[in-house]
């Protein structure tokens, strides 16, 4: 008989194909959440990912599980994109501009998350802390590089910029409102010149 106070044995690592399927699902769901909202039918996500709906439910038993996983996945994509863009873009300003585009896509998905997690406030708070902990330093590094290159004004802090971008994304559900265009105007306004 097993003692309930004993730690559970570690879970077996996922097979490579299972990890690929999960990443493909998260990418497909994220793309559809941006264009169609978090209530997009699971069959549409499965079709975009090229898998059956059973595969989605095997990885993510509930819609909330899927949305939380997409949220975390998008945070990681944004976090990893910052340094990559900084090293591959024509300038730090160009990297900042491209990164804010990714951030806009993420935020449009994030707004749907709030409605889904309304009843689970602690989980939402933990996700928000995770989001800030991962993305504020990335934004700060991009801003700092652009300031050091003399491309943008130094008066703005990373969290202020992220909050400004977030505020401009609130109306993204309105088809007559272009959040990306408004954020582009904000980023243009940071430029020296």
C-alpha atoms as a PDB file:
ATOM      1  CA  UNK A   1       0.000   0.000   0.000  1.00  0.00           C
ATOM      2  CA  UNK A   2       1.249   3.476  -0.887  1.00  0.00           C
ATOM      3  CA  UNK A   3       1.522   6.197   1.730  1.00  0.00           C
ATOM      4  CA  UNK A   4      -0.516   9.240   0.616  1.00  0.00           C
ATOM      5  CA  UNK A   5       2.149  11.518   2.080  1.00  0.00           C
ATOM      6  CA  UNK A   6       4.785  10.065  -0.258  1.00  0.00           C
ATOM      7  CA  UNK A   7       5.520  12.212  -3.278  1.00  0.00           C
ATOM      8  CA  UNK A   8       4.114  10.878  -6.518  1.00  0.00           C
ATOM      9  CA  UNK A   9       6.615   9.381  -8.918  1.00  0.00           C
ATOM     10  CA  UNK A  10       7.746  11.861 -11.569  1.00  0.00           C
ATOM     11  CA  UNK A  11       5.637  11.912 -14.713  1.00  0.00           C
ATOM     12  CA  UNK A  12       7.215  10.298 -17.736  1.00  0.00           C
ATOM     13  CA  UNK A  13       8.527  12.887 -20.177  1.00  0.00           C
ATOM     14  CA  UNK A  14       6.335  13.443 -23.206  1.00  0.00           C
ATOM     15  CA  UNK A  15       7.367  11.794 -26.436  1.00  0.00           C
ATOM     16  CA  UNK A  16       8.810  14.100 -29.093  1.00  0.00           C
ATOM     17  CA  UNK A  17       5.748  13.680 -31.330  1.00  0.00           C
ATOM     18  CA  UNK A  18       3.428  14.489 -28.415  1.00  0.00           C
ATOM     19  CA  UNK A  19       5.424  17.677 -27.681  1.00  0.00           C
ATOM     20  CA  UNK A  20       5.270  18.650 -31.376  1.00  0.00           C
ATOM     21  CA  UNK A  21       1.502  18.015 -31.440  1.00  0.00           C
ATOM     22  CA  UNK A  22       1.067  20.158 -28.345  1.00  0.00           C
ATOM     23  CA  UNK A  23       3.126  23.017 -29.830  1.00  0.00           C
ATOM     24  CA  UNK A  24       1.211  22.783 -33.116  1.00  0.00           C
ATOM     25  CA  UNK A  25      -2.080  22.899 -31.190  1.00  0.00           C
ATOM     26  CA  UNK A  26      -0.972  25.905 -29.158  1.00  0.00           C
ATOM     27  CA  UNK A  27       0.177  27.778 -32.272  1.00  0.00           C
ATOM     28  CA  UNK A  28      -3.088  27.002 -34.092  1.00  0.00           C
ATOM     29  CA  UNK A  29      -5.226  27.950 -31.085  1.00  0.00           C
ATOM     30  CA  UNK A  30      -3.279  31.187 -30.545  1.00  0.00           C
ATOM     31  CA  UNK A  31      -3.719  32.201 -34.187  1.00  0.00           C
ATOM     32  CA  UNK A  32      -7.448  31.484 -34.101  1.00  0.00           C
ATOM     33  CA  UNK A  33      -7.919  33.175 -30.729  1.00  0.00           C
ATOM     34  CA  UNK A  34      -6.442  36.355 -32.241  1.00  0.00           C
ATOM     35  CA  UNK A  35      -8.712  36.273 -35.303  1.00  0.00           C
ATOM     36  CA  UNK A  36     -11.856  34.640 -33.887  1.00  0.00           C
ATOM     37  CA  UNK A  37     -11.713  34.958 -30.095  1.00  0.00           C
ATOM     38  CA  UNK A  38     -11.328  32.331 -27.376  1.00  0.00           C
ATOM     39  CA  UNK A  39     -14.738  30.820 -28.102  1.00  0.00           C
ATOM     40  CA  UNK A  40     -13.611  29.517 -31.510  1.00  0.00           C
ATOM     41  CA  UNK A  41     -14.888  25.943 -31.982  1.00  0.00           C
ATOM     42  CA  UNK A  42     -12.441  23.197 -31.000  1.00  0.00           C
ATOM     43  CA  UNK A  43     -12.997  21.537 -34.400  1.00  0.00           C
ATOM     44  CA  UNK A  44     -11.619  24.701 -36.077  1.00  0.00           C
ATOM     45  CA  UNK A  45      -8.495  24.554 -33.909  1.00  0.00           C
ATOM     46  CA  UNK A  46      -8.087  20.842 -34.688  1.00  0.00           C
ATOM     47  CA  UNK A  47      -8.469  21.499 -38.420  1.00  0.00           C
ATOM     48  CA  UNK A  48      -5.894  24.319 -38.378  1.00  0.00           C
ATOM     49  CA  UNK A  49      -3.475  22.119 -36.401  1.00  0.00           C
ATOM     50  CA  UNK A  50      -4.091  19.110 -38.656  1.00  0.00           C
ATOM     51  CA  UNK A  51      -5.179  16.843 -35.801  1.00  0.00           C
ATOM     52  CA  UNK A  52      -8.406  15.315 -34.549  1.00  0.00           C
ATOM     53  CA  UNK A  53     -10.457  16.923 -31.798  1.00  0.00           C
ATOM     54  CA  UNK A  54      -9.604  13.957 -29.548  1.00  0.00           C
ATOM     55  CA  UNK A  55      -5.959  15.034 -29.648  1.00  0.00           C
ATOM     56  CA  UNK A  56      -6.919  18.458 -28.314  1.00  0.00           C
ATOM     57  CA  UNK A  57      -8.950  16.972 -25.466  1.00  0.00           C
ATOM     58  CA  UNK A  58      -6.115  14.550 -24.632  1.00  0.00           C
ATOM     59  CA  UNK A  59      -3.752  17.494 -24.140  1.00  0.00           C
ATOM     60  CA  UNK A  60      -6.299  20.003 -22.798  1.00  0.00           C
ATOM     61  CA  UNK A  61      -9.392  18.436 -21.174  1.00  0.00           C
ATOM     62  CA  UNK A  62     -11.217  21.794 -20.814  1.00  0.00           C
ATOM     63  CA  UNK A  63     -11.337  25.022 -22.781  1.00  0.00           C
ATOM     64  CA  UNK A  64      -9.870  26.836 -19.762  1.00  0.00           C
ATOM     65  CA  UNK A  65      -6.901  24.408 -19.812  1.00  0.00           C
ATOM     66  CA  UNK A  66      -6.351  25.200 -23.486  1.00  0.00           C
ATOM     67  CA  UNK A  67      -6.649  28.950 -22.989  1.00  0.00           C
ATOM     68  CA  UNK A  68      -4.231  28.955 -20.052  1.00  0.00           C
ATOM     69  CA  UNK A  69      -1.750  26.870 -22.050  1.00  0.00           C
ATOM     70  CA  UNK A  70      -2.046  29.265 -25.008  1.00  0.00           C
ATOM     71  CA  UNK A  71      -1.530  32.207 -22.671  1.00  0.00           C
ATOM     72  CA  UNK A  72       1.644  30.685 -21.221  1.00  0.00           C
ATOM     73  CA  UNK A  73       2.830  29.656 -24.683  1.00  0.00           C
ATOM     74  CA  UNK A  74       2.339  33.173 -26.024  1.00  0.00           C
ATOM     75  CA  UNK A  75       4.175  34.690 -23.065  1.00  0.00           C
ATOM     76  CA  UNK A  76       7.117  32.412 -23.855  1.00  0.00           C
ATOM     77  CA  UNK A  77       6.984  33.228 -27.571  1.00  0.00           C
ATOM     78  CA  UNK A  78       7.066  36.963 -26.754  1.00  0.00           C
ATOM     79  CA  UNK A  79       9.823  36.508 -24.179  1.00  0.00           C
ATOM     80  CA  UNK A  80      12.012  34.502 -26.562  1.00  0.00           C
ATOM     81  CA  UNK A  81      11.320  36.826 -29.500  1.00  0.00           C
ATOM     82  CA  UNK A  82      12.796  39.904 -27.804  1.00  0.00           C
ATOM     83  CA  UNK A  83      16.457  38.818 -27.774  1.00  0.00           C
ATOM     84  CA  UNK A  84      16.094  37.112 -31.167  1.00  0.00           C
ATOM     85  CA  UNK A  85      14.690  40.263 -32.768  1.00  0.00           C
ATOM     86  CA  UNK A  86      17.343  42.408 -31.130  1.00  0.00           C
ATOM     87  CA  UNK A  87      20.100  40.308 -32.660  1.00  0.00           C
ATOM     88  CA  UNK A  88      18.511  39.948 -36.111  1.00  0.00           C
ATOM     89  CA  UNK A  89      16.785  43.288 -36.784  1.00  0.00           C
ATOM     90  CA  UNK A  90      18.259  46.240 -38.639  1.00  0.00           C
ATOM     91  CA  UNK A  91      18.152  48.325 -35.452  1.00  0.00           C
ATOM     92  CA  UNK A  92      16.969  48.144 -31.834  1.00  0.00           C
ATOM     93  CA  UNK A  93      14.016  50.378 -32.804  1.00  0.00           C
ATOM     94  CA  UNK A  94      13.029  47.935 -35.565  1.00  0.00           C
ATOM     95  CA  UNK A  95      13.248  45.087 -33.033  1.00  0.00           C
ATOM     96  CA  UNK A  96      11.052  47.027 -30.576  1.00  0.00           C
ATOM     97  CA  UNK A  97       8.492  47.744 -33.292  1.00  0.00           C
ATOM     98  CA  UNK A  98       8.336  44.069 -34.363  1.00  0.00           C
ATOM     99  CA  UNK A  99       8.118  42.891 -30.768  1.00  0.00           C
ATOM    100  CA  UNK A 100       5.194  45.187 -30.006  1.00  0.00           C
ATOM    101  CA  UNK A 101       3.368  43.591 -32.956  1.00  0.00           C
ATOM    102  CA  UNK A 102       3.755  40.189 -31.290  1.00  0.00           C
ATOM    103  CA  UNK A 103       2.698  41.726 -28.002  1.00  0.00           C
ATOM    104  CA  UNK A 104      -0.484  43.123 -29.617  1.00  0.00           C
ATOM    105  CA  UNK A 105      -1.391  39.636 -30.881  1.00  0.00           C
ATOM    106  CA  UNK A 106      -0.807  38.266 -27.404  1.00  0.00           C
ATOM    107  CA  UNK A 107      -2.909  40.960 -25.732  1.00  0.00           C
ATOM    108  CA  UNK A 108      -5.888  40.418 -27.995  1.00  0.00           C
ATOM    109  CA  UNK A 109      -5.904  36.785 -26.827  1.00  0.00           C
ATOM    110  CA  UNK A 110      -5.322  37.794 -23.197  1.00  0.00           C
ATOM    111  CA  UNK A 111      -8.519  39.873 -23.077  1.00  0.00           C
ATOM    112  CA  UNK A 112     -10.550  36.732 -23.829  1.00  0.00           C
ATOM    113  CA  UNK A 113      -8.727  34.902 -21.059  1.00  0.00           C
ATOM    114  CA  UNK A 114     -10.022  37.304 -18.429  1.00  0.00           C
ATOM    115  CA  UNK A 115     -13.637  36.408 -19.220  1.00  0.00           C
ATOM    116  CA  UNK A 116     -12.946  32.677 -19.118  1.00  0.00           C
ATOM    117  CA  UNK A 117     -11.093  32.809 -15.795  1.00  0.00           C
ATOM    118  CA  UNK A 118     -13.434  35.209 -14.034  1.00  0.00           C
ATOM    119  CA  UNK A 119     -14.373  32.543 -11.471  1.00  0.00           C
ATOM    120  CA  UNK A 120     -10.781  31.499 -10.793  1.00  0.00           C
ATOM    121  CA  UNK A 121      -9.269  34.768  -9.644  1.00  0.00           C
ATOM    122  CA  UNK A 122      -6.182  33.247  -7.977  1.00  0.00           C
ATOM    123  CA  UNK A 123      -5.180  31.466 -11.178  1.00  0.00           C
ATOM    124  CA  UNK A 124      -5.590  34.681 -13.160  1.00  0.00           C
ATOM    125  CA  UNK A 125      -3.461  36.608 -10.636  1.00  0.00           C
ATOM    126  CA  UNK A 126      -0.721  33.967 -10.884  1.00  0.00           C
ATOM    127  CA  UNK A 127      -0.798  34.154 -14.683  1.00  0.00           C
ATOM    128  CA  UNK A 128      -0.629  37.942 -14.571  1.00  0.00           C
ATOM    129  CA  UNK A 129       2.419  37.830 -12.279  1.00  0.00           C
ATOM    130  CA  UNK A 130       4.024  35.294 -14.635  1.00  0.00           C
ATOM    131  CA  UNK A 131       3.264  37.581 -17.596  1.00  0.00           C
ATOM    132  CA  UNK A 132       4.859  40.604 -15.912  1.00  0.00           C
ATOM    133  CA  UNK A 133       7.859  38.655 -14.658  1.00  0.00           C
ATOM    134  CA  UNK A 134       8.651  37.299 -18.123  1.00  0.00           C
ATOM    135  CA  UNK A 135       7.771  40.231 -20.390  1.00  0.00           C
ATOM    136  CA  UNK A 136       8.667  43.433 -18.529  1.00  0.00           C
ATOM    137  CA  UNK A 137      12.406  42.583 -18.582  1.00  0.00           C
ATOM    138  CA  UNK A 138      12.230  41.774 -22.315  1.00  0.00           C
ATOM    139  CA  UNK A 139      10.508  45.065 -23.106  1.00  0.00           C
ATOM    140  CA  UNK A 140      13.000  46.888 -20.861  1.00  0.00           C
ATOM    141  CA  UNK A 141      15.941  45.358 -22.749  1.00  0.00           C
ATOM    142  CA  UNK A 142      14.464  46.369 -26.110  1.00  0.00           C
ATOM    143  CA  UNK A 143      13.747  49.905 -24.896  1.00  0.00           C
ATOM    144  CA  UNK A 144      17.180  50.228 -23.345  1.00  0.00           C
ATOM    145  CA  UNK A 145      18.904  49.122 -26.556  1.00  0.00           C
ATOM    146  CA  UNK A 146      16.859  51.613 -28.594  1.00  0.00           C
ATOM    147  CA  UNK A 147      17.644  54.413 -26.107  1.00  0.00           C
ATOM    148  CA  UNK A 148      21.361  53.562 -26.157  1.00  0.00           C
ATOM    149  CA  UNK A 149      21.290  53.650 -29.971  1.00  0.00           C
ATOM    150  CA  UNK A 150      19.717  57.121 -29.770  1.00  0.00           C
ATOM    151  CA  UNK A 151      16.590  55.949 -31.588  1.00  0.00           C
ATOM    152  CA  UNK A 152      13.905  56.568 -28.951  1.00  0.00           C
ATOM    153  CA  UNK A 153      13.234  58.934 -26.064  1.00  0.00           C
ATOM    154  CA  UNK A 154      14.428  57.741 -22.672  1.00  0.00           C
ATOM    155  CA  UNK A 155      11.489  59.046 -20.628  1.00  0.00           C
ATOM    156  CA  UNK A 156       9.318  55.918 -20.833  1.00  0.00           C
ATOM    157  CA  UNK A 157       9.639  52.800 -18.684  1.00  0.00           C
ATOM    158  CA  UNK A 158       8.919  49.307 -19.988  1.00  0.00           C
ATOM    159  CA  UNK A 159       5.858  48.760 -17.814  1.00  0.00           C
ATOM    160  CA  UNK A 160       4.419  52.140 -18.901  1.00  0.00           C
ATOM    161  CA  UNK A 161       4.871  51.224 -22.551  1.00  0.00           C
ATOM    162  CA  UNK A 162       3.307  47.812 -22.030  1.00  0.00           C
ATOM    163  CA  UNK A 163       0.355  49.359 -20.202  1.00  0.00           C
ATOM    164  CA  UNK A 164      -0.074  51.894 -23.014  1.00  0.00           C
ATOM    165  CA  UNK A 165      -0.046  49.132 -25.611  1.00  0.00           C
ATOM    166  CA  UNK A 166      -2.520  47.177 -23.484  1.00  0.00           C
ATOM    167  CA  UNK A 167      -4.859  50.149 -23.249  1.00  0.00           C
ATOM    168  CA  UNK A 168      -4.794  50.550 -27.020  1.00  0.00           C
ATOM    169  CA  UNK A 169      -5.688  46.870 -27.454  1.00  0.00           C
ATOM    170  CA  UNK A 170      -8.837  46.971 -25.339  1.00  0.00           C
ATOM    171  CA  UNK A 171     -11.050  47.900 -28.300  1.00  0.00           C
ATOM    172  CA  UNK A 172      -9.594  45.184 -30.563  1.00  0.00           C
ATOM    173  CA  UNK A 173     -12.891  43.256 -30.666  1.00  0.00           C
ATOM    174  CA  UNK A 174     -14.469  46.113 -32.646  1.00  0.00           C
ATOM    175  CA  UNK A 175     -13.954  45.387 -36.374  1.00  0.00           C
ATOM    176  CA  UNK A 176     -13.776  49.131 -37.083  1.00  0.00           C
ATOM    177  CA  UNK A 177     -10.873  49.582 -34.668  1.00  0.00           C
ATOM    178  CA  UNK A 178      -7.312  48.697 -35.641  1.00  0.00           C
ATOM    179  CA  UNK A 179      -5.295  48.142 -32.455  1.00  0.00           C
ATOM    180  CA  UNK A 180      -2.125  47.346 -34.370  1.00  0.00           C
ATOM    181  CA  UNK A 181      -2.317  50.683 -36.214  1.00  0.00           C
ATOM    182  CA  UNK A 182      -2.846  52.591 -32.977  1.00  0.00           C
ATOM    183  CA  UNK A 183       0.103  50.828 -31.317  1.00  0.00           C
ATOM    184  CA  UNK A 184       2.230  51.577 -34.371  1.00  0.00           C
ATOM    185  CA  UNK A 185       1.416  55.270 -33.905  1.00  0.00           C
ATOM    186  CA  UNK A 186       2.452  54.996 -30.243  1.00  0.00           C
ATOM    187  CA  UNK A 187       5.775  53.365 -31.160  1.00  0.00           C
ATOM    188  CA  UNK A 188       6.356  55.972 -33.875  1.00  0.00           C
ATOM    189  CA  UNK A 189       5.841  58.642 -31.218  1.00  0.00           C
ATOM    190  CA  UNK A 190       8.727  57.215 -29.162  1.00  0.00           C
ATOM    191  CA  UNK A 191      11.170  57.831 -31.977  1.00  0.00           C
ATOM    192  CA  UNK A 192      13.710  60.654 -31.819  1.00  0.00           C
ATOM    193  CA  UNK A 193      13.388  62.978 -34.553  1.00  0.00           C
END
